[in-house]
Amino acid sequence: MPDLRLLTPDRVGDLVGSCAPCTFWQTVPHNGHGGPRDAQAHLDALAAWVEEVTADWGPPGRIAYVDDRPIGHVVFTPARFVPRLAAFPTAPGDPATVMLVTAVTSPEANGDGRGLCKVLLQTAAKDALKQHVRALDVIASRPAAVGPHACVLETEPLEKFGFRVERDHPAYPRLRIDLRTAVTLRDEAAAYLARALARIPGAHPAPEVHPRGSGSARSADQP
């Protein structure tokens, strides 16, 4: 199973996906995306953001590795650290609301990327519970209404995971999940992940078996 390492300033270069590096959520609405020449500036900004959130609240995410290769990540943090929320009509009024910012898997994990994404979300839920957080919110998109957006998670897969509409909107609803419900999905997520990793060329993950016989991803760091 993958190592699920804490998101730290020195690991922001391991964020995966077409939107990395990107500071869409970490900057005010008129900033965010840039050309390839801006990559280092975005990495520096992300590292500073991770350092700020960690000092004030705790590590804001996890990165999944197999054989030291990053294959996915999840980012979550209180709303007060997400300036981009100001651009969305369904943003929470409470700055302490913990937001799922993004959950992304790399192309090589897409044999069954849904399984890895489930594990990342489940790990985020467990980490947030340790911070005495009871629910996780997310601004999602309905692509049929607005088209796909690389930095905004889609509503449908989140609802399949267990998120429910907290504040509706035709394009950008805010969803919420009870974290006590999310952490019960371990066995299902582990089964999906086993299939996903089996399709990654060259990966040789070692499952961690629990007394009940179920495998789970291994957390290399503790928040």
C-alpha atoms as a PDB file:
ATOM      1  CA  MET A   1       0.000   0.000   0.000  1.00  0.00           C
ATOM      2  CA  PRO A   2       1.198   3.573  -0.500  1.00  0.00           C
ATOM      3  CA  ASP A   3       2.947   5.737   2.035  1.00  0.00           C
ATOM      4  CA  LEU A   4       0.618   8.586   2.963  1.00  0.00           C
ATOM      5  CA  ARG A   5       3.024  11.333   3.979  1.00  0.00           C
ATOM      6  CA  LEU A   6       2.072  14.656   5.487  1.00  0.00           C
ATOM      7  CA  LEU A   7       2.029  17.644   3.157  1.00  0.00           C
ATOM      8  CA  THR A   8       5.016  19.727   4.244  1.00  0.00           C
ATOM      9  CA  PRO A   9       6.682  22.763   2.622  1.00  0.00           C
ATOM     10  CA  ASP A  10       9.493  20.622   1.215  1.00  0.00           C
ATOM     11  CA  ARG A  11       7.013  18.244  -0.464  1.00  0.00           C
ATOM     12  CA  VAL A  12       4.904  20.736  -2.450  1.00  0.00           C
ATOM     13  CA  GLY A  13       6.914  19.827  -5.551  1.00  0.00           C
ATOM     14  CA  ASP A  14       5.414  16.329  -5.313  1.00  0.00           C
ATOM     15  CA  LEU A  15       1.823  17.491  -5.780  1.00  0.00           C
ATOM     16  CA  VAL A  16       0.392  15.738  -8.838  1.00  0.00           C
ATOM     17  CA  GLY A  17      -2.085  16.414 -11.615  1.00  0.00           C
ATOM     18  CA  SER A  18      -2.539  18.906 -14.429  1.00  0.00           C
ATOM     19  CA  CYS A  19      -3.211  21.702 -11.953  1.00  0.00           C
ATOM     20  CA  ALA A  20       0.056  21.339 -10.013  1.00  0.00           C
ATOM     21  CA  PRO A  21       1.794  23.501  -9.093  1.00  0.00           C
ATOM     22  CA  CYS A  22      -1.126  25.885  -8.715  1.00  0.00           C
ATOM     23  CA  THR A  23      -2.231  28.456  -6.152  1.00  0.00           C
ATOM     24  CA  PHE A  24      -5.840  28.749  -7.301  1.00  0.00           C
ATOM     25  CA  TRP A  25      -7.333  28.133  -3.848  1.00  0.00           C
ATOM     26  CA  GLN A  26      -4.513  29.746  -1.881  1.00  0.00           C
ATOM     27  CA  THR A  27      -4.763  33.197  -3.488  1.00  0.00           C
ATOM     28  CA  VAL A  28      -7.340  35.933  -3.915  1.00  0.00           C
ATOM     29  CA  PRO A  29      -9.743  35.545  -6.864  1.00  0.00           C
ATOM     30  CA  HIS A  30      -7.762  37.601  -9.392  1.00  0.00           C
ATOM     31  CA  ASN A  31      -4.648  35.415  -8.952  1.00  0.00           C
ATOM     32  CA  GLY A  32      -3.951  31.703  -9.298  1.00  0.00           C
ATOM     33  CA  HIS A  33      -3.048  30.189 -12.624  1.00  0.00           C
ATOM     34  CA  GLY A  34       0.034  31.071 -14.624  1.00  0.00           C
ATOM     35  CA  GLY A  35       2.298  29.868 -17.392  1.00  0.00           C
ATOM     36  CA  PRO A  36       5.152  27.358 -17.054  1.00  0.00           C
ATOM     37  CA  ARG A  37       7.586  30.154 -16.207  1.00  0.00           C
ATOM     38  CA  ASP A  38       5.552  30.821 -13.074  1.00  0.00           C
ATOM     39  CA  ALA A  39       5.953  27.281 -11.722  1.00  0.00           C
ATOM     40  CA  GLN A  40       8.681  28.146  -9.205  1.00  0.00           C
ATOM     41  CA  ALA A  41       6.743  31.159  -7.967  1.00  0.00           C
ATOM     42  CA  HIS A  42       3.713  28.949  -7.387  1.00  0.00           C
ATOM     43  CA  LEU A  43       5.842  26.350  -5.572  1.00  0.00           C
ATOM     44  CA  ASP A  44       7.303  29.039  -3.325  1.00  0.00           C
ATOM     45  CA  ALA A  45       3.833  30.423  -2.596  1.00  0.00           C
ATOM     46  CA  LEU A  46       2.472  26.946  -1.837  1.00  0.00           C
ATOM     47  CA  ALA A  47       5.387  26.160   0.468  1.00  0.00           C
ATOM     48  CA  ALA A  48       4.788  29.395   2.373  1.00  0.00           C
ATOM     49  CA  TRP A  49       1.059  28.608   2.579  1.00  0.00           C
ATOM     50  CA  VAL A  50       1.677  25.079   3.899  1.00  0.00           C
ATOM     51  CA  GLU A  51       4.085  26.460   6.487  1.00  0.00           C
ATOM     52  CA  GLU A  52       1.531  29.058   7.627  1.00  0.00           C
ATOM     53  CA  VAL A  53      -1.333  26.574   7.922  1.00  0.00           C
ATOM     54  CA  THR A  54       0.829  24.005   9.710  1.00  0.00           C
ATOM     55  CA  ALA A  55       2.016  26.547  12.277  1.00  0.00           C
ATOM     56  CA  ASP A  56      -1.514  27.759  13.003  1.00  0.00           C
ATOM     57  CA  TRP A  57      -3.652  24.618  12.592  1.00  0.00           C
ATOM     58  CA  GLY A  58      -1.685  21.580  11.497  1.00  0.00           C
ATOM     59  CA  PRO A  59      -0.515  19.861   8.297  1.00  0.00           C
ATOM     60  CA  PRO A  60      -3.064  20.628   5.547  1.00  0.00           C
ATOM     61  CA  GLY A  61      -2.941  17.373   3.627  1.00  0.00           C
ATOM     62  CA  ARG A  62      -1.280  14.148   2.568  1.00  0.00           C
ATOM     63  CA  ILE A  63       0.673  12.942  -0.449  1.00  0.00           C
ATOM     64  CA  ALA A  64       0.479   9.283  -1.496  1.00  0.00           C
ATOM     65  CA  TYR A  65       3.691   7.588  -2.660  1.00  0.00           C
ATOM     66  CA  VAL A  66       4.440   4.190  -4.143  1.00  0.00           C
ATOM     67  CA  ASP A  67       8.137   3.304  -4.431  1.00  0.00           C
ATOM     68  CA  ASP A  68       8.839   6.968  -3.578  1.00  0.00           C
ATOM     69  CA  ARG A  69       6.794   8.130  -6.573  1.00  0.00           C
ATOM     70  CA  PRO A  70       3.965  10.567  -5.783  1.00  0.00           C
ATOM     71  CA  ILE A  71       0.680   9.232  -7.167  1.00  0.00           C
ATOM     72  CA  GLY A  72      -1.919  11.448  -5.510  1.00  0.00           C
ATOM     73  CA  HIS A  73      -2.623  14.054  -2.862  1.00  0.00           C
ATOM     74  CA  VAL A  74      -5.386  15.549  -0.763  1.00  0.00           C
ATOM     75  CA  VAL A  75      -5.489  19.063   0.707  1.00  0.00           C
ATOM     76  CA  PHE A  76      -7.837  20.252   3.466  1.00  0.00           C
ATOM     77  CA  THR A  77      -7.749  23.258   5.804  1.00  0.00           C
ATOM     78  CA  PRO A  78      -9.967  25.744   7.655  1.00  0.00           C
ATOM     79  CA  ALA A  79     -11.800  28.178   5.401  1.00  0.00           C
ATOM     80  CA  ARG A  80      -9.807  31.127   6.743  1.00  0.00           C
ATOM     81  CA  PHE A  81      -6.797  29.824   4.814  1.00  0.00           C
ATOM     82  CA  VAL A  82      -8.641  29.573   1.479  1.00  0.00           C
ATOM     83  CA  PRO A  83      -8.912  33.091  -0.024  1.00  0.00           C
ATOM     84  CA  ARG A  84     -10.440  31.782  -3.275  1.00  0.00           C
ATOM     85  CA  LEU A  85     -13.653  30.940  -1.397  1.00  0.00           C
ATOM     86  CA  ALA A  86     -14.554  34.621  -1.702  1.00  0.00           C
ATOM     87  CA  ALA A  87     -15.296  33.984  -5.387  1.00  0.00           C
ATOM     88  CA  PHE A  88     -18.000  31.374  -4.669  1.00  0.00           C
ATOM     89  CA  PRO A  89     -21.578  32.188  -3.598  1.00  0.00           C
ATOM     90  CA  THR A  90     -21.787  29.067  -1.435  1.00  0.00           C
ATOM     91  CA  ALA A  91     -18.673  29.763   0.635  1.00  0.00           C
ATOM     92  CA  PRO A  92     -19.196  29.070   4.359  1.00  0.00           C
ATOM     93  CA  GLY A  93     -19.735  32.003   6.680  1.00  0.00           C
ATOM     94  CA  ASP A  94     -17.659  30.464   9.455  1.00  0.00           C
ATOM     95  CA  PRO A  95     -13.895  30.813   8.844  1.00  0.00           C
ATOM     96  CA  ALA A  96     -13.313  27.775  11.079  1.00  0.00           C
ATOM     97  CA  THR A  97     -15.209  25.460   8.699  1.00  0.00           C
ATOM     98  CA  VAL A  98     -12.738  22.852   7.493  1.00  0.00           C
ATOM     99  CA  MET A  99     -12.699  22.624   3.715  1.00  0.00           C
ATOM    100  CA  LEU A 100     -11.607  19.861   1.395  1.00  0.00           C
ATOM    101  CA  VAL A 101      -9.576  21.886  -1.093  1.00  0.00           C
ATOM    102  CA  THR A 102      -8.704  19.153  -3.564  1.00  0.00           C
ATOM    103  CA  ALA A 103      -8.079  15.434  -3.996  1.00  0.00           C
ATOM    104  CA  VAL A 104      -6.087  14.417  -7.071  1.00  0.00           C
ATOM    105  CA  THR A 105      -4.578  11.222  -8.454  1.00  0.00           C
ATOM    106  CA  SER A 106      -1.834  11.023 -11.070  1.00  0.00           C
ATOM    107  CA  PRO A 107      -2.451   9.521 -14.534  1.00  0.00           C
ATOM    108  CA  GLU A 108      -0.501   6.367 -13.652  1.00  0.00           C
ATOM    109  CA  ALA A 109      -2.959   5.685 -10.822  1.00  0.00           C
ATOM    110  CA  ASN A 110      -5.953   5.902 -13.129  1.00  0.00           C
ATOM    111  CA  GLY A 111      -6.263   2.154 -13.624  1.00  0.00           C
ATOM    112  CA  ASP A 112      -8.690   2.647 -10.771  1.00  0.00           C
ATOM    113  CA  GLY A 113      -8.002   6.200  -9.634  1.00  0.00           C
ATOM    114  CA  ARG A 114     -11.318   6.261  -7.807  1.00  0.00           C
ATOM    115  CA  GLY A 115      -9.953   3.796  -5.288  1.00  0.00           C
ATOM    116  CA  LEU A 116      -6.918   5.898  -4.479  1.00  0.00           C
ATOM    117  CA  CYS A 117      -9.083   9.007  -4.259  1.00  0.00           C
ATOM    118  CA  LYS A 118     -11.325   7.226  -1.745  1.00  0.00           C
ATOM    119  CA  VAL A 119      -8.299   6.363   0.387  1.00  0.00           C
ATOM    120  CA  LEU A 120      -7.048   9.950   0.247  1.00  0.00           C
ATOM    121  CA  LEU A 121     -10.439  11.269   1.328  1.00  0.00           C
ATOM    122  CA  GLN A 122     -10.721   8.701   4.093  1.00  0.00           C
ATOM    123  CA  THR A 123      -7.252   9.627   5.348  1.00  0.00           C
ATOM    124  CA  ALA A 124      -8.188  13.310   5.298  1.00  0.00           C
ATOM    125  CA  ALA A 125     -11.256  12.448   7.375  1.00  0.00           C
ATOM    126  CA  LYS A 126      -9.167  10.638   9.991  1.00  0.00           C
ATOM    127  CA  ASP A 127      -6.626  13.468  10.163  1.00  0.00           C
ATOM    128  CA  ALA A 128      -9.397  16.059  10.557  1.00  0.00           C
ATOM    129  CA  LEU A 129     -11.031  14.029  13.323  1.00  0.00           C
ATOM    130  CA  LYS A 130      -7.763  14.201  15.240  1.00  0.00           C
ATOM    131  CA  GLN A 131      -8.191  17.981  15.081  1.00  0.00           C
ATOM    132  CA  HIS A 132     -11.641  17.553  16.694  1.00  0.00           C
ATOM    133  CA  VAL A 133     -13.368  18.407  13.407  1.00  0.00           C
ATOM    134  CA  ARG A 134     -16.782  16.775  12.948  1.00  0.00           C
ATOM    135  CA  ALA A 135     -17.494  17.569   9.290  1.00  0.00           C
ATOM    136  CA  LEU A 136     -15.668  18.367   6.081  1.00  0.00           C
ATOM    137  CA  ASP A 137     -17.080  20.822   3.523  1.00  0.00           C
ATOM    138  CA  VAL A 138     -16.148  21.253  -0.135  1.00  0.00           C
ATOM    139  CA  ILE A 139     -17.097  23.622  -2.937  1.00  0.00           C
ATOM    140  CA  ALA A 140     -17.897  21.334  -5.863  1.00  0.00           C
ATOM    141  CA  SER A 141     -18.947  21.891  -9.457  1.00  0.00           C
ATOM    142  CA  ARG A 142     -21.724  20.559 -11.624  1.00  0.00           C
ATOM    143  CA  PRO A 143     -19.901  20.259 -14.979  1.00  0.00           C
ATOM    144  CA  ALA A 144     -23.177  20.115 -16.912  1.00  0.00           C
ATOM    145  CA  ALA A 145     -23.867  23.647 -15.708  1.00  0.00           C
ATOM    146  CA  VAL A 146     -20.422  25.256 -15.838  1.00  0.00           C
ATOM    147  CA  GLY A 147     -18.113  22.837 -17.638  1.00  0.00           C
ATOM    148  CA  PRO A 148     -15.203  21.000 -16.010  1.00  0.00           C
ATOM    149  CA  HIS A 149     -12.784  23.035 -13.906  1.00  0.00           C
ATOM    150  CA  ALA A 150      -9.351  21.587 -13.164  1.00  0.00           C
ATOM    151  CA  CYS A 151      -9.195  23.047  -9.655  1.00  0.00           C
ATOM    152  CA  VAL A 152     -12.778  22.389  -8.505  1.00  0.00           C
ATOM    153  CA  LEU A 153     -13.835  18.852  -7.629  1.00  0.00           C
ATOM    154  CA  GLU A 154     -16.929  17.496  -9.336  1.00  0.00           C
ATOM    155  CA  THR A 155     -20.113  16.875  -7.375  1.00  0.00           C
ATOM    156  CA  GLU A 156     -20.924  13.332  -8.522  1.00  0.00           C
ATOM    157  CA  PRO A 157     -17.862  11.428  -7.231  1.00  0.00           C
ATOM    158  CA  LEU A 158     -18.021  13.303  -3.935  1.00  0.00           C
ATOM    159  CA  GLU A 159     -21.645  12.304  -3.466  1.00  0.00           C
ATOM    160  CA  LYS A 160     -20.709   8.693  -4.164  1.00  0.00           C
ATOM    161  CA  PHE A 161     -18.167   8.929  -1.357  1.00  0.00           C
ATOM    162  CA  GLY A 162     -20.820  10.201   1.056  1.00  0.00           C
ATOM    163  CA  PHE A 163     -20.890  13.992   0.735  1.00  0.00           C
ATOM    164  CA  ARG A 164     -24.333  15.602   0.788  1.00  0.00           C
ATOM    165  CA  VAL A 165     -25.475  19.045  -0.329  1.00  0.00           C
ATOM    166  CA  GLU A 166     -25.208  21.539   2.520  1.00  0.00           C
ATOM    167  CA  ARG A 167     -25.942  24.673   0.478  1.00  0.00           C
ATOM    168  CA  ASP A 168     -27.260  24.194  -3.031  1.00  0.00           C
ATOM    169  CA  HIS A 169     -26.369  26.123  -6.151  1.00  0.00           C
ATOM    170  CA  PRO A 170     -26.915  25.295  -9.853  1.00  0.00           C
ATOM    171  CA  ALA A 171     -23.175  25.418 -10.600  1.00  0.00           C
ATOM    172  CA  TYR A 172     -21.175  25.397  -7.350  1.00  0.00           C
ATOM    173  CA  PRO A 173     -22.962  23.718  -4.436  1.00  0.00           C
ATOM    174  CA  ARG A 174     -21.246  23.297  -1.088  1.00  0.00           C
ATOM    175  CA  LEU A 175     -21.204  19.682   0.076  1.00  0.00           C
ATOM    176  CA  ARG A 176     -20.575  18.247   3.532  1.00  0.00           C
ATOM    177  CA  ILE A 177     -19.723  14.877   5.022  1.00  0.00           C
ATOM    178  CA  ASP A 178     -19.940  13.695   8.623  1.00  0.00           C
ATOM    179  CA  LEU A 179     -16.395  12.547   9.307  1.00  0.00           C
ATOM    180  CA  ARG A 180     -17.519   9.789  11.650  1.00  0.00           C
ATOM    181  CA  THR A 181     -19.294   8.273   8.635  1.00  0.00           C
ATOM    182  CA  ALA A 182     -16.300   8.770   6.344  1.00  0.00           C
ATOM    183  CA  VAL A 183     -13.861   6.805   8.480  1.00  0.00           C
ATOM    184  CA  THR A 184     -16.073   3.715   8.388  1.00  0.00           C
ATOM    185  CA  LEU A 185     -15.357   3.314   4.664  1.00  0.00           C
ATOM    186  CA  ARG A 186     -11.856   1.899   5.246  1.00  0.00           C
ATOM    187  CA  ASP A 187     -12.441  -1.633   3.984  1.00  0.00           C
ATOM    188  CA  GLU A 188     -14.176  -0.529   0.791  1.00  0.00           C
ATOM    189  CA  ALA A 189     -11.466   2.046   0.092  1.00  0.00           C
ATOM    190  CA  ALA A 190      -8.701  -0.478   0.715  1.00  0.00           C
ATOM    191  CA  ALA A 191     -10.251  -2.895  -1.790  1.00  0.00           C
ATOM    192  CA  TYR A 192     -10.435  -0.180  -4.450  1.00  0.00           C
ATOM    193  CA  LEU A 193      -6.856   0.836  -3.723  1.00  0.00           C
ATOM    194  CA  ALA A 194      -5.533  -2.701  -4.095  1.00  0.00           C
ATOM    195  CA  ARG A 195      -6.973  -2.807  -7.611  1.00  0.00           C
ATOM    196  CA  ALA A 196      -5.577   0.648  -8.429  1.00  0.00           C
ATOM    197  CA  LEU A 197      -2.045  -0.184  -7.334  1.00  0.00           C
ATOM    198  CA  ALA A 198      -2.074  -3.487  -9.180  1.00  0.00           C
ATOM    199  CA  ARG A 199      -2.329  -1.509 -12.408  1.00  0.00           C
ATOM    200  CA  ILE A 200       0.574   0.866 -11.743  1.00  0.00           C
ATOM    201  CA  PRO A 201       3.610  -0.333 -13.728  1.00  0.00           C
ATOM    202  CA  GLY A 202       6.577  -1.207 -11.554  1.00  0.00           C
ATOM    203  CA  ALA A 203       4.786  -0.675  -8.251  1.00  0.00           C
ATOM    204  CA  HIS A 204       5.378  -3.293  -5.589  1.00  0.00           C
ATOM    205  CA  PRO A 205       3.339  -2.152  -2.594  1.00  0.00           C
ATOM    206  CA  ALA A 206       3.419  -4.245   0.553  1.00  0.00           C
ATOM    207  CA  PRO A 207      -0.020  -4.519   2.161  1.00  0.00           C
ATOM    208  CA  GLU A 208      -0.379  -3.860   5.840  1.00  0.00           C
ATOM    209  CA  VAL A 209      -2.779  -6.491   7.144  1.00  0.00           C
ATOM    210  CA  HIS A 210      -4.932  -5.840  10.171  1.00  0.00           C
ATOM    211  CA  PRO A 211      -6.362  -8.447  12.547  1.00  0.00           C
ATOM    212  CA  ARG A 212      -9.685  -8.447  10.719  1.00  0.00           C
ATOM    213  CA  GLY A 213      -7.856  -9.326   7.526  1.00  0.00           C
ATOM    214  CA  SER A 214      -8.343  -6.001   5.753  1.00  0.00           C
ATOM    215  CA  GLY A 215      -5.491  -4.024   4.287  1.00  0.00           C
ATOM    216  CA  SER A 216      -5.052  -0.296   4.574  1.00  0.00           C
ATOM    217  CA  ALA A 217      -2.727   2.388   3.355  1.00  0.00           C
ATOM    218  CA  ARG A 218       0.242   3.067   5.602  1.00  0.00           C
ATOM    219  CA  SER A 219       0.603   6.541   7.083  1.00  0.00           C
ATOM    220  CA  ALA A 220       4.289   7.337   7.113  1.00  0.00           C
ATOM    221  CA  ASP A 221       3.857  10.510   9.196  1.00  0.00           C
ATOM    222  CA  GLN A 222       1.647  11.452  12.083  1.00  0.00           C
ATOM    223  CA  PRO A 223       0.181  14.962  12.314  1.00  0.00           C
END
